[in-house]
C-alpha atoms as a PDB file:
ATOM      1  CA  MET A   1      12.061 212.009  16.608  1.00  0.00           C
ATOM      2  CA  GLU A   2       9.031 214.239  16.617  1.00  0.00           C
ATOM      3  CA  ASP A   3       7.801 212.250  13.310  1.00  0.00           C
ATOM      4  CA  LEU A   4       7.534 208.732  15.118  1.00  0.00           C
ATOM      5  CA  LYS A   5       4.230 207.961  16.786  1.00  0.00           C
ATOM      6  CA  ALA A   6       3.728 204.486  18.970  1.00  0.00           C
ATOM      7  CA  GLY A   7       2.964 201.179  16.827  1.00  0.00           C
ATOM      8  CA  MET A   8       4.902 202.078  13.409  1.00  0.00           C
ATOM      9  CA  LYS A   9       6.753 199.656  11.860  1.00  0.00           C
ATOM     10  CA  LEU A  10      10.129 200.476  10.511  1.00  0.00           C
ATOM     11  CA  PRO A  11      12.967 198.894   8.834  1.00  0.00           C
ATOM     12  CA  GLY A  12      16.604 199.220  10.836  1.00  0.00           C
ATOM     13  CA  ILE A  13      20.219 198.493  11.369  1.00  0.00           C
ATOM     14  CA  VAL A  14      21.081 196.766  14.553  1.00  0.00           C
ATOM     15  CA  THR A  15      24.230 199.163  15.745  1.00  0.00           C
ATOM     16  CA  ASN A  16      24.899 197.636  18.822  1.00  0.00           C
ATOM     17  CA  VAL A  17      24.301 194.614  21.068  1.00  0.00           C
ATOM     18  CA  THR A  18      24.480 194.787  24.980  1.00  0.00           C
ATOM     19  CA  ALA A  19      23.984 192.752  27.869  1.00  0.00           C
ATOM     20  CA  PHE A  20      20.074 194.298  28.138  1.00  0.00           C
ATOM     21  CA  GLY A  21      19.097 194.416  24.416  1.00  0.00           C
ATOM     22  CA  ALA A  22      20.400 195.773  21.152  1.00  0.00           C
ATOM     23  CA  PHE A  23      20.386 199.558  19.690  1.00  0.00           C
ATOM     24  CA  VAL A  24      18.740 200.011  16.340  1.00  0.00           C
ATOM     25  CA  ASP A  25      19.289 202.732  13.740  1.00  0.00           C
ATOM     26  CA  ILE A  26      15.919 203.605  12.083  1.00  0.00           C
ATOM     27  CA  GLY A  27      16.993 206.628  10.472  1.00  0.00           C
ATOM     28  CA  VAL A  28      16.306 209.766  13.036  1.00  0.00           C
ATOM     29  CA  LEU A  29      18.896 211.462  14.727  1.00  0.00           C
ATOM     30  CA  GLN A  30      18.900 209.155  17.800  1.00  0.00           C
ATOM     31  CA  ASP A  31      18.902 205.124  17.782  1.00  0.00           C
ATOM     32  CA  GLY A  32      16.188 203.500  19.176  1.00  0.00           C
ATOM     33  CA  LEU A  33      16.653 200.507  21.948  1.00  0.00           C
ATOM     34  CA  VAL A  34      14.930 197.193  21.960  1.00  0.00           C
ATOM     35  CA  HIS A  35      15.052 195.936  25.366  1.00  0.00           C
ATOM     36  CA  ILE A  36      15.755 191.944  25.916  1.00  0.00           C
ATOM     37  CA  SER A  37      12.328 191.446  26.415  1.00  0.00           C
ATOM     38  CA  PRO A  38      10.527 192.316  23.228  1.00  0.00           C
ATOM     39  CA  LEU A  39      13.550 191.041  21.302  1.00  0.00           C
ATOM     40  CA  ARG A  40      11.632 187.847  20.751  1.00  0.00           C
ATOM     41  CA  ASP A  41       8.184 186.142  21.325  1.00  0.00           C
ATOM     42  CA  ARG A  42      10.053 183.549  23.717  1.00  0.00           C
ATOM     43  CA  PHE A  43      12.564 184.075  26.661  1.00  0.00           C
ATOM     44  CA  VAL A  44      15.731 185.192  25.490  1.00  0.00           C
ATOM     45  CA  LYS A  45      18.874 184.755  27.668  1.00  0.00           C
ATOM     46  CA  ASN A  46      21.653 186.175  25.572  1.00  0.00           C
ATOM     47  CA  PRO A  47      20.590 189.403  22.463  1.00  0.00           C
ATOM     48  CA  THR A  48      23.574 188.147  20.802  1.00  0.00           C
ATOM     49  CA  ASP A  49      21.699 184.666  20.591  1.00  0.00           C
ATOM     50  CA  VAL A  50      19.055 186.784  18.585  1.00  0.00           C
ATOM     51  CA  VAL A  51      21.054 189.773  16.865  1.00  0.00           C
ATOM     52  CA  LYS A  52      24.153 190.745  15.428  1.00  0.00           C
ATOM     53  CA  THR A  53      25.745 194.159  14.562  1.00  0.00           C
ATOM     54  CA  ARG A  54      25.199 195.632  11.180  1.00  0.00           C
ATOM     55  CA  GLN A  55      21.974 192.920  10.943  1.00  0.00           C
ATOM     56  CA  ARG A  56      19.002 194.292   9.162  1.00  0.00           C
ATOM     57  CA  VAL A  57      15.588 193.949  11.225  1.00  0.00           C
ATOM     58  CA  THR A  58      11.932 195.374  11.473  1.00  0.00           C
ATOM     59  CA  VAL A  59      11.087 197.013  14.382  1.00  0.00           C
ATOM     60  CA  LYS A  60       7.647 198.539  16.043  1.00  0.00           C
ATOM     61  CA  VAL A  61       8.014 201.782  17.889  1.00  0.00           C
ATOM     62  CA  LEU A  62       6.442 201.343  21.484  1.00  0.00           C
ATOM     63  CA  ASP A  63       7.371 204.888  22.900  1.00  0.00           C
ATOM     64  CA  VAL A  64       8.935 208.079  22.368  1.00  0.00           C
ATOM     65  CA  ASP A  65      10.261 210.108  25.033  1.00  0.00           C
ATOM     66  CA  LEU A  66      11.184 213.707  23.422  1.00  0.00           C
ATOM     67  CA  GLU A  67      12.378 215.148  26.728  1.00  0.00           C
ATOM     68  CA  ARG A  68      15.044 212.276  27.584  1.00  0.00           C
ATOM     69  CA  LYS A  69      15.743 211.344  23.753  1.00  0.00           C
ATOM     70  CA  ARG A  70      14.741 207.905  23.883  1.00  0.00           C
ATOM     71  CA  ILE A  71      13.130 205.545  21.753  1.00  0.00           C
ATOM     72  CA  SER A  72      11.676 202.068  22.662  1.00  0.00           C
ATOM     73  CA  LEU A  73      11.316 199.565  20.109  1.00  0.00           C
ATOM     74  CA  SER A  74      10.428 195.770  19.855  1.00  0.00           C
ATOM     75  CA  MET A  75      10.795 193.426  17.291  1.00  0.00           C
ATOM     76  CA  LYS A  76       8.375 190.770  18.610  1.00  0.00           C
ATOM     77  CA  GLY A  77       5.940 189.162  16.364  1.00  0.00           C
END
């Protein structure tokens, strides 16, 4: 996780889809979260309308919180 920087674009695989977004495996110890708002450039009511489990996606790193072990991702653009 220490090697991740905001702005990096990475390939990933969706591991779980929830009501508030999708978790994506980007090849580090912790899965990152794409919150529902940055899933697409337009409004998303249900994340399952946009992504499915095991789908390959490209994500952009928004933030890395090493203390809380959280990775914020975006799929916009």
